[in-house]
């Protein structure tokens, strides 16, 4: 029993540490408040990836100034 506690306790501490560190990201609610846009404007649903708007925002010093969304091409 004592051997099991010596193994489980450190593993549990590491697992909890990884769990909390995995939730940290640069996507913060302050960006949404600053831009007055929904999170989905820069992130696809259920993803930490960036849309074209999100990449523009990141690459232009966290500003959407001058951003023009691409318009879908109409098929003829």
Protein backbone atom coordinates (compact mmCIF):
# COMPACT_ATOMS: atom_id res chain seq x y z
CA UNK A 1 0.00 0.00 0.00
CA UNK A 2 2.78 2.40 0.89
CA UNK A 3 4.53 1.71 -2.41
CA UNK A 4 1.31 2.49 -4.27
CA UNK A 5 0.97 5.88 -2.52
CA UNK A 6 4.59 6.73 -3.39
CA UNK A 7 3.78 6.12 -7.04
CA UNK A 8 0.26 7.54 -7.29
CA UNK A 9 0.88 10.81 -5.44
CA UNK A 10 3.62 12.18 -7.75
CA UNK A 11 1.76 11.00 -10.86
CA UNK A 12 -1.41 12.71 -9.64
CA UNK A 13 0.42 15.96 -8.96
CA UNK A 14 1.95 15.92 -12.45
CA UNK A 15 -1.41 15.11 -14.07
CA UNK A 16 -3.11 18.01 -12.29
CA UNK A 17 -0.25 20.32 -13.30
CA UNK A 18 -0.55 19.30 -16.96
CA UNK A 19 -4.31 19.71 -16.83
CA UNK A 20 -4.11 23.30 -15.62
CA UNK A 21 -1.22 24.29 -17.86
CA UNK A 22 -3.03 22.96 -20.94
CA UNK A 23 -5.84 25.46 -20.44
CA UNK A 24 -3.50 28.44 -20.66
CA UNK A 25 -3.50 30.17 -24.04
CA UNK A 26 -3.12 33.52 -25.71
CA UNK A 27 -6.81 33.56 -26.58
CA UNK A 28 -8.13 35.77 -23.85
CA UNK A 29 -11.51 37.41 -23.28
CA UNK A 30 -9.80 40.82 -23.32
CA UNK A 31 -9.18 40.41 -27.07
CA UNK A 32 -12.90 39.86 -27.65
CA UNK A 33 -13.80 42.89 -25.53
CA UNK A 34 -11.18 45.05 -27.25
CA UNK A 35 -12.30 44.13 -30.78
CA UNK A 36 -16.02 43.81 -29.94
CA UNK A 37 -16.01 40.52 -31.88
CA UNK A 38 -17.05 37.03 -30.87
CA UNK A 39 -14.33 34.44 -30.23
CA UNK A 40 -15.48 32.61 -33.36
CA UNK A 41 -14.38 35.58 -35.47
CA UNK A 42 -10.73 34.59 -34.94
CA UNK A 43 -11.13 30.90 -33.97
CA UNK A 44 -13.04 28.13 -35.76
CA UNK A 45 -15.62 26.36 -33.56
CA UNK A 46 -14.11 23.94 -31.01
CA UNK A 47 -10.54 24.82 -32.02
CA UNK A 48 -7.53 26.81 -30.84
CA UNK A 49 -6.50 27.33 -34.47
CA UNK A 50 -6.83 30.76 -36.05
CA UNK A 51 -8.99 31.91 -38.92
CA UNK A 52 -7.64 34.41 -41.46
CA UNK A 53 -8.92 37.19 -39.19
CA UNK A 54 -7.10 35.71 -36.21
CA UNK A 55 -3.84 35.46 -38.13
CA UNK A 56 -4.22 39.05 -39.28
CA UNK A 57 -4.88 40.18 -35.71
CA UNK A 58 -1.79 38.33 -34.41
CA UNK A 59 0.48 39.56 -37.21
CA UNK A 60 -0.62 43.22 -37.01
CA UNK A 61 0.23 43.90 -33.37
CA UNK A 62 -3.16 42.72 -32.07
CA UNK A 63 -5.20 45.08 -34.20
CA UNK A 64 -7.86 44.45 -36.82
CA UNK A 65 -7.34 47.92 -38.30
CA UNK A 66 -7.29 47.58 -42.08
CA UNK A 67 -8.59 43.99 -42.08
CA UNK A 68 -10.81 43.21 -45.04
CA UNK A 69 -12.57 39.82 -44.90
CA UNK A 70 -12.27 37.80 -48.07
CA UNK A 71 -15.50 37.66 -50.00
CA UNK A 72 -16.50 34.26 -51.33
CA UNK A 73 -16.15 33.93 -55.09
CA UNK A 74 -19.43 33.48 -56.91
CA UNK A 75 -19.60 30.56 -59.28
CA UNK A 76 -21.00 31.34 -62.72
